[in-house]
Amino acid sequence: MHETDPLELKLRQEAERLSQGLGGAPVVIVVGGDKATDVPRTITVTGSASPLRLRDLLGILQAAIQTESWKHFRDW
């Protein structure tokens, strides 16, 4: 099991709260690690009414990348 940080636990609780408010929709929070901001490492947490598998998480992130790419291309 990976090590946990108080920030990671707080983010996981927030993801679960957001998921509940969205009817159980999967929520993914990614925070980049940076010494200047005291974030010890890159943290990825998920919250969902049902447990997310890695392929589900990767699918959500890939869809977000494609959407952002499309929006950038459309406005270019």
PDB file of N, CA and C in Angstrom:
ATOM      1  N   MET A   1       0.832  -1.182   0.000  1.00  0.00           N
ATOM      2  CA  MET A   1       0.000   0.000   0.000  1.00  0.00           C
ATOM      3  C   MET A   1       0.876   1.244   0.000  1.00  0.00           C
ATOM      4  N   HIS A   2       0.474   2.244  -0.770  1.00  0.00           N
ATOM      5  CA  HIS A   2       1.272   3.451  -0.841  1.00  0.00           C
ATOM      6  C   HIS A   2       1.135   4.243   0.450  1.00  0.00           C
ATOM      7  N   GLU A   3       2.136   5.078   0.698  1.00  0.00           N
ATOM      8  CA  GLU A   3       2.075   5.868   1.922  1.00  0.00           C
ATOM      9  C   GLU A   3       0.991   6.936   1.804  1.00  0.00           C
ATOM     10  N   THR A   4       0.429   7.275   2.918  1.00  0.00           N
ATOM     11  CA  THR A   4      -0.630   8.282   2.910  1.00  0.00           C
ATOM     12  C   THR A   4      -0.130   9.544   3.588  1.00  0.00           C
ATOM     13  N   ASP A   5      -0.686  10.634   3.194  1.00  0.00           N
ATOM     14  CA  ASP A   5      -0.339  11.948   3.689  1.00  0.00           C
ATOM     15  C   ASP A   5      -1.644  12.588   4.147  1.00  0.00           C
ATOM     16  N   PRO A   6      -1.625  13.427   5.164  1.00  0.00           N
ATOM     17  CA  PRO A   6      -2.862  14.087   5.585  1.00  0.00           C
ATOM     18  C   PRO A   6      -3.575  14.814   4.441  1.00  0.00           C
ATOM     19  N   LEU A   7      -2.801  15.395   3.526  1.00  0.00           N
ATOM     20  CA  LEU A   7      -3.392  16.066   2.374  1.00  0.00           C
ATOM     21  C   LEU A   7      -4.133  15.066   1.489  1.00  0.00           C
ATOM     22  N   GLU A   8      -3.553  13.882   1.306  1.00  0.00           N
ATOM     23  CA  GLU A   8      -4.191  12.850   0.492  1.00  0.00           C
ATOM     24  C   GLU A   8      -5.524  12.422   1.105  1.00  0.00           C
ATOM     25  N   LEU A   9      -5.555  12.259   2.403  1.00  0.00           N
ATOM     26  CA  LEU A   9      -6.794  11.869   3.068  1.00  0.00           C
ATOM     27  C   LEU A   9      -7.854  12.959   2.920  1.00  0.00           C
ATOM     28  N   LYS A  10      -7.446  14.218   3.054  1.00  0.00           N
ATOM     29  CA  LYS A  10      -8.376  15.341   2.893  1.00  0.00           C
ATOM     30  C   LYS A  10      -8.925  15.389   1.468  1.00  0.00           C
ATOM     31  N   LEU A  11      -8.056  15.179   0.469  1.00  0.00           N
ATOM     32  CA  LEU A  11      -8.488  15.189  -0.923  1.00  0.00           C
ATOM     33  C   LEU A  11      -9.439  14.035  -1.213  1.00  0.00           C
ATOM     34  N   ARG A  12      -9.163  12.860  -0.648  1.00  0.00           N
ATOM     35  CA  ARG A  12     -10.035  11.698  -0.860  1.00  0.00           C
ATOM     36  C   ARG A  12     -11.424  11.969  -0.281  1.00  0.00           C
ATOM     37  N   GLN A  13     -11.477  12.572   0.894  1.00  0.00           N
ATOM     38  CA  GLN A  13     -12.774  12.919   1.492  1.00  0.00           C
ATOM     39  C   GLN A  13     -13.522  13.919   0.615  1.00  0.00           C
ATOM     40  N   GLU A  14     -12.798  14.880   0.071  1.00  0.00           N
ATOM     41  CA  GLU A  14     -13.424  15.883  -0.804  1.00  0.00           C
ATOM     42  C   GLU A  14     -13.935  15.228  -2.083  1.00  0.00           C
ATOM     43  N   ALA A  15     -13.159  14.309  -2.652  1.00  0.00           N
ATOM     44  CA  ALA A  15     -13.598  13.608  -3.864  1.00  0.00           C
ATOM     45  C   ALA A  15     -14.858  12.800  -3.586  1.00  0.00           C
ATOM     46  N   GLU A  16     -14.905  12.137  -2.453  1.00  0.00           N
ATOM     47  CA  GLU A  16     -16.094  11.359  -2.102  1.00  0.00           C
ATOM     48  C   GLU A  16     -17.300  12.267  -1.879  1.00  0.00           C
ATOM     49  N   ARG A  17     -17.086  13.420  -1.248  1.00  0.00           N
ATOM     50  CA  ARG A  17     -18.178  14.370  -1.026  1.00  0.00           C
ATOM     51  C   ARG A  17     -18.718  14.880  -2.359  1.00  0.00           C
ATOM     52  N   LEU A  18     -17.821  15.243  -3.267  1.00  0.00           N
ATOM     53  CA  LEU A  18     -18.241  15.712  -4.587  1.00  0.00           C
ATOM     54  C   LEU A  18     -18.989  14.621  -5.341  1.00  0.00           C
ATOM     55  N   SER A  19     -18.492  13.398  -5.253  1.00  0.00           N
ATOM     56  CA  SER A  19     -19.134  12.283  -5.933  1.00  0.00           C
ATOM     57  C   SER A  19     -20.567  12.089  -5.428  1.00  0.00           C
ATOM     58  N   GLN A  20     -20.744  12.147  -4.123  1.00  0.00           N
ATOM     59  CA  GLN A  20     -22.086  11.996  -3.556  1.00  0.00           C
ATOM     60  C   GLN A  20     -23.005  13.109  -4.040  1.00  0.00           C
ATOM     61  N   GLY A  21     -22.492  14.337  -4.114  1.00  0.00           N
ATOM     62  CA  GLY A  21     -23.280  15.469  -4.587  1.00  0.00           C
ATOM     63  C   GLY A  21     -23.638  15.367  -6.058  1.00  0.00           C
ATOM     64  N   LEU A  22     -22.888  14.559  -6.793  1.00  0.00           N
ATOM     65  CA  LEU A  22     -23.128  14.370  -8.227  1.00  0.00           C
ATOM     66  C   LEU A  22     -23.810  13.041  -8.509  1.00  0.00           C
ATOM     67  N   GLY A  23     -24.470  12.491  -7.527  1.00  0.00           N
ATOM     68  CA  GLY A  23     -25.213  11.252  -7.718  1.00  0.00           C
ATOM     69  C   GLY A  23     -24.342  10.026  -7.878  1.00  0.00           C
ATOM     70  N   GLY A  24     -23.131  10.044  -7.335  1.00  0.00           N
ATOM     71  CA  GLY A  24     -22.246   8.885  -7.407  1.00  0.00           C
ATOM     72  C   GLY A  24     -21.307   8.888  -8.599  1.00  0.00           C
ATOM     73  N   ALA A  25     -21.281   9.996  -9.354  1.00  0.00           N
ATOM     74  CA  ALA A  25     -20.374  10.074 -10.508  1.00  0.00           C
ATOM     75  C   ALA A  25     -18.920   9.992 -10.035  1.00  0.00           C
ATOM     76  N   PRO A  26     -18.062   9.343 -10.805  1.00  0.00           N
ATOM     77  CA  PRO A  26     -16.656   9.270 -10.418  1.00  0.00           C
ATOM     78  C   PRO A  26     -16.018  10.663 -10.422  1.00  0.00           C
ATOM     79  N   VAL A  27     -15.213  10.933  -9.419  1.00  0.00           N
ATOM     80  CA  VAL A  27     -14.483  12.193  -9.302  1.00  0.00           C
ATOM     81  C   VAL A  27     -13.008  11.849  -9.160  1.00  0.00           C
ATOM     82  N   VAL A  28     -12.170  12.517  -9.933  1.00  0.00           N
ATOM     83  CA  VAL A  28     -10.728  12.311  -9.878  1.00  0.00           C
ATOM     84  C   VAL A  28     -10.079  13.649  -9.557  1.00  0.00           C
ATOM     85  N   ILE A  29      -9.227  13.667  -8.542  1.00  0.00           N
ATOM     86  CA  ILE A  29      -8.478  14.868  -8.188  1.00  0.00           C
ATOM     87  C   ILE A  29      -6.996  14.530  -8.318  1.00  0.00           C
ATOM     88  N   VAL A  30      -6.275  15.351  -9.084  1.00  0.00           N
ATOM     89  CA  VAL A  30      -4.834  15.182  -9.243  1.00  0.00           C
ATOM     90  C   VAL A  30      -4.170  16.471  -8.794  1.00  0.00           C
ATOM     91  N   VAL A  31      -3.232  16.365  -7.874  1.00  0.00           N
ATOM     92  CA  VAL A  31      -2.496  17.515  -7.378  1.00  0.00           C
ATOM     93  C   VAL A  31      -1.020  17.259  -7.636  1.00  0.00           C
ATOM     94  N   GLY A  32      -0.371  18.174  -8.343  1.00  0.00           N
ATOM     95  CA  GLY A  32       1.046  18.024  -8.656  1.00  0.00           C
ATOM     96  C   GLY A  32       1.916  18.365  -7.467  1.00  0.00           C
ATOM     97  N   GLY A  33       2.882  17.524  -7.203  1.00  0.00           N
ATOM     98  CA  GLY A  33       3.806  17.762  -6.102  1.00  0.00           C
ATOM     99  C   GLY A  33       4.774  18.890  -6.417  1.00  0.00           C
ATOM    100  N   ASP A  34       5.056  19.700  -5.392  1.00  0.00           N
ATOM    101  CA  ASP A  34       5.958  20.839  -5.569  1.00  0.00           C
ATOM    102  C   ASP A  34       6.475  21.262  -4.206  1.00  0.00           C
ATOM    103  N   LYS A  35       7.765  21.360  -4.067  1.00  0.00           N
ATOM    104  CA  LYS A  35       8.336  21.760  -2.780  1.00  0.00           C
ATOM    105  C   LYS A  35       7.952  23.184  -2.419  1.00  0.00           C
ATOM    106  N   ALA A  36       7.778  24.046  -3.408  1.00  0.00           N
ATOM    107  CA  ALA A  36       7.431  25.439  -3.137  1.00  0.00           C
ATOM    108  C   ALA A  36       6.059  25.560  -2.478  1.00  0.00           C
ATOM    109  N   THR A  37       5.166  24.593  -2.721  1.00  0.00           N
ATOM    110  CA  THR A  37       3.818  24.647  -2.153  1.00  0.00           C
ATOM    111  C   THR A  37       3.616  23.627  -1.035  1.00  0.00           C
ATOM    112  N   ASP A  38       4.680  22.959  -0.620  1.00  0.00           N
ATOM    113  CA  ASP A  38       4.624  21.944   0.433  1.00  0.00           C
ATOM    114  C   ASP A  38       3.731  20.758   0.090  1.00  0.00           C
ATOM    115  N   VAL A  39       3.542  20.481  -1.190  1.00  0.00           N
ATOM    116  CA  VAL A  39       2.858  19.254  -1.606  1.00  0.00           C
ATOM    117  C   VAL A  39       3.978  18.231  -1.822  1.00  0.00           C
ATOM    118  N   PRO A  40       4.022  17.169  -1.000  1.00  0.00           N
ATOM    119  CA  PRO A  40       5.180  16.285  -0.985  1.00  0.00           C
ATOM    120  C   PRO A  40       5.402  15.481  -2.266  1.00  0.00           C
ATOM    121  N   ARG A  41       4.337  15.208  -2.988  1.00  0.00           N
ATOM    122  CA  ARG A  41       4.443  14.394  -4.206  1.00  0.00           C
ATOM    123  C   ARG A  41       3.165  14.580  -4.997  1.00  0.00           C
ATOM    124  N   THR A  42       3.154  14.091  -6.226  1.00  0.00           N
ATOM    125  CA  THR A  42       1.924  14.134  -7.007  1.00  0.00           C
ATOM    126  C   THR A  42       0.940  13.154  -6.394  1.00  0.00           C
ATOM    127  N   ILE A  43      -0.265  13.646  -6.130  1.00  0.00           N
ATOM    128  CA  ILE A  43      -1.291  12.851  -5.456  1.00  0.00           C
ATOM    129  C   ILE A  43      -2.493  12.722  -6.381  1.00  0.00           C
ATOM    130  N   THR A  44      -2.950  11.506  -6.573  1.00  0.00           N
ATOM    131  CA  THR A  44      -4.166  11.241  -7.339  1.00  0.00           C
ATOM    132  C   THR A  44      -5.126  10.496  -6.433  1.00  0.00           C
ATOM    133  N   VAL A  45      -6.317  11.057  -6.255  1.00  0.00           N
ATOM    134  CA  VAL A  45      -7.336  10.407  -5.440  1.00  0.00           C
ATOM    135  C   VAL A  45      -8.625  10.320  -6.244  1.00  0.00           C
ATOM    136  N   THR A  46      -9.444   9.346  -5.894  1.00  0.00           N
ATOM    137  CA  THR A  46     -10.725   9.184  -6.558  1.00  0.00           C
ATOM    138  C   THR A  46     -11.822   9.032  -5.520  1.00  0.00           C
ATOM    139  N   GLY A  47     -12.998   9.410  -5.929  1.00  0.00           N
ATOM    140  CA  GLY A  47     -14.173   9.198  -5.106  1.00  0.00           C
ATOM    141  C   GLY A  47     -15.298   8.760  -6.015  1.00  0.00           C
ATOM    142  N   SER A  48     -16.048   7.772  -5.590  1.00  0.00           N
ATOM    143  CA  SER A  48     -17.129   7.259  -6.403  1.00  0.00           C
ATOM    144  C   SER A  48     -18.046   6.415  -5.533  1.00  0.00           C
ATOM    145  N   ALA A  49     -19.290   6.281  -5.970  1.00  0.00           N
ATOM    146  CA  ALA A  49     -20.225   5.419  -5.253  1.00  0.00           C
ATOM    147  C   ALA A  49     -19.769   3.967  -5.331  1.00  0.00           C
ATOM    148  N   SER A  50     -19.098   3.612  -6.416  1.00  0.00           N
ATOM    149  CA  SER A  50     -18.551   2.263  -6.545  1.00  0.00           C
ATOM    150  C   SER A  50     -17.045   2.379  -6.757  1.00  0.00           C
ATOM    151  N   PRO A  51     -16.287   1.384  -6.328  1.00  0.00           N
ATOM    152  CA  PRO A  51     -14.829   1.472  -6.471  1.00  0.00           C
ATOM    153  C   PRO A  51     -14.423   1.590  -7.941  1.00  0.00           C
ATOM    154  N   LEU A  52     -13.451   2.439  -8.205  1.00  0.00           N
ATOM    155  CA  LEU A  52     -12.945   2.612  -9.564  1.00  0.00           C
ATOM    156  C   LEU A  52     -11.777   1.669  -9.800  1.00  0.00           C
ATOM    157  N   ARG A  53     -11.781   1.029 -10.948  1.00  0.00           N
ATOM    158  CA  ARG A  53     -10.636   0.224 -11.355  1.00  0.00           C
ATOM    159  C   ARG A  53      -9.662   1.139 -12.090  1.00  0.00           C
ATOM    160  N   LEU A  54      -8.419   0.719 -12.189  1.00  0.00           N
ATOM    161  CA  LEU A  54      -7.402   1.532 -12.844  1.00  0.00           C
ATOM    162  C   LEU A  54      -7.821   1.880 -14.265  1.00  0.00           C
ATOM    163  N   ARG A  55      -8.391   0.932 -15.004  1.00  0.00           N
ATOM    164  CA  ARG A  55      -8.782   1.221 -16.388  1.00  0.00           C
ATOM    165  C   ARG A  55      -9.901   2.256 -16.433  1.00  0.00           C
ATOM    166  N   ASP A  56     -10.786   2.268 -15.417  1.00  0.00           N
ATOM    167  CA  ASP A  56     -11.822   3.290 -15.351  1.00  0.00           C
ATOM    168  C   ASP A  56     -11.192   4.672 -15.145  1.00  0.00           C
ATOM    169  N   LEU A  57     -10.240   4.738 -14.228  1.00  0.00           N
ATOM    170  CA  LEU A  57      -9.550   5.991 -13.942  1.00  0.00           C
ATOM    171  C   LEU A  57      -8.824   6.502 -15.181  1.00  0.00           C
ATOM    172  N   LEU A  58      -8.115   5.618 -15.863  1.00  0.00           N
ATOM    173  CA  LEU A  58      -7.393   6.018 -17.074  1.00  0.00           C
ATOM    174  C   LEU A  58      -8.358   6.460 -18.170  1.00  0.00           C
ATOM    175  N   GLY A  59      -9.511   5.810 -18.270  1.00  0.00           N
ATOM    176  CA  GLY A  59     -10.515   6.210 -19.251  1.00  0.00           C
ATOM    177  C   GLY A  59     -11.044   7.609 -18.974  1.00  0.00           C
ATOM    178  N   ILE A  60     -11.299   7.920 -17.700  1.00  0.00           N
ATOM    179  CA  ILE A  60     -11.773   9.258 -17.332  1.00  0.00           C
ATOM    180  C   ILE A  60     -10.718  10.304 -17.684  1.00  0.00           C
ATOM    181  N   LEU A  61      -9.462  10.029 -17.349  1.00  0.00           N
ATOM    182  CA  LEU A  61      -8.394  10.978 -17.649  1.00  0.00           C
ATOM    183  C   LEU A  61      -8.202  11.145 -19.158  1.00  0.00           C
ATOM    184  N   GLN A  62      -8.293  10.066 -19.913  1.00  0.00           N
ATOM    185  CA  GLN A  62      -8.149  10.144 -21.368  1.00  0.00           C
ATOM    186  C   GLN A  62      -9.277  10.967 -21.980  1.00  0.00           C
ATOM    187  N   ALA A  63     -10.495  10.784 -21.491  1.00  0.00           N
ATOM    188  CA  ALA A  63     -11.618  11.573 -21.991  1.00  0.00           C
ATOM    189  C   ALA A  63     -11.399  13.058 -21.701  1.00  0.00           C
ATOM    190  N   ALA A  64     -10.873  13.377 -20.510  1.00  0.00           N
ATOM    191  CA  ALA A  64     -10.601  14.777 -20.166  1.00  0.00           C
ATOM    192  C   ALA A  64      -9.531  15.365 -21.084  1.00  0.00           C
ATOM    193  N   ILE A  65      -8.510  14.588 -21.390  1.00  0.00           N
ATOM    194  CA  ILE A  65      -7.445  15.049 -22.291  1.00  0.00           C
ATOM    195  C   ILE A  65      -8.015  15.314 -23.680  1.00  0.00           C
ATOM    196  N   GLN A  66      -8.833  14.409 -24.184  1.00  0.00           N
ATOM    197  CA  GLN A  66      -9.414  14.576 -25.510  1.00  0.00           C
ATOM    198  C   GLN A  66     -10.335  15.787 -25.562  1.00  0.00           C
ATOM    199  N   THR A  67     -11.115  16.005 -24.504  1.00  0.00           N
ATOM    200  CA  THR A  67     -12.020  17.152 -24.458  1.00  0.00           C
ATOM    201  C   THR A  67     -11.229  18.453 -24.466  1.00  0.00           C
ATOM    202  N   GLU A  68     -10.190  18.529 -23.653  1.00  0.00           N
ATOM    203  CA  GLU A  68      -9.377  19.748 -23.603  1.00  0.00           C
ATOM    204  C   GLU A  68      -8.660  19.977 -24.930  1.00  0.00           C
ATOM    205  N   SER A  69      -8.191  18.919 -25.565  1.00  0.00           N
ATOM    206  CA  SER A  69      -7.537  19.050 -26.873  1.00  0.00           C
ATOM    207  C   SER A  69      -8.523  19.568 -27.912  1.00  0.00           C
ATOM    208  N   TRP A  70      -9.734  19.044 -27.888  1.00  0.00           N
ATOM    209  CA  TRP A  70     -10.760  19.478 -28.834  1.00  0.00           C
ATOM    210  C   TRP A  70     -11.094  20.944 -28.619  1.00  0.00           C
ATOM    211  N   LYS A  71     -11.236  21.362 -27.353  1.00  0.00           N
ATOM    212  CA  LYS A  71     -11.553  22.771 -27.064  1.00  0.00           C
ATOM    213  C   LYS A  71     -10.419  23.681 -27.526  1.00  0.00           C
ATOM    214  N   HIS A  72      -9.192  23.259 -27.336  1.00  0.00           N
ATOM    215  CA  HIS A  72      -8.043  24.059 -27.786  1.00  0.00           C
ATOM    216  C   HIS A  72      -8.021  24.153 -29.312  1.00  0.00           C
ATOM    217  N   PHE A  73      -8.246  23.024 -29.986  1.00  0.00           N
ATOM    218  CA  PHE A  73      -8.237  22.999 -31.449  1.00  0.00           C
ATOM    219  C   PHE A  73      -9.373  23.862 -32.009  1.00  0.00           C
ATOM    220  N   ARG A  74     -10.538  23.798 -31.401  1.00  0.00           N
ATOM    221  CA  ARG A  74     -11.706  24.556 -31.849  1.00  0.00           C
ATOM    222  C   ARG A  74     -11.462  26.064 -31.753  1.00  0.00           C
ATOM    223  N   ASP A  75     -10.775  26.496 -30.691  1.00  0.00           N
ATOM    224  CA  ASP A  75     -10.532  27.914 -30.475  1.00  0.00           C
ATOM    225  C   ASP A  75      -9.304  28.432 -31.188  1.00  0.00           C
ATOM    226  N   TRP A  76      -8.558  27.552 -31.803  1.00  0.00           N
ATOM    227  CA  TRP A  76      -7.296  27.935 -32.428  1.00  0.00           C
ATOM    228  C   TRP A  76      -7.475  28.606 -33.712  1.00  0.00           C
TER     229      TRP A  76
END
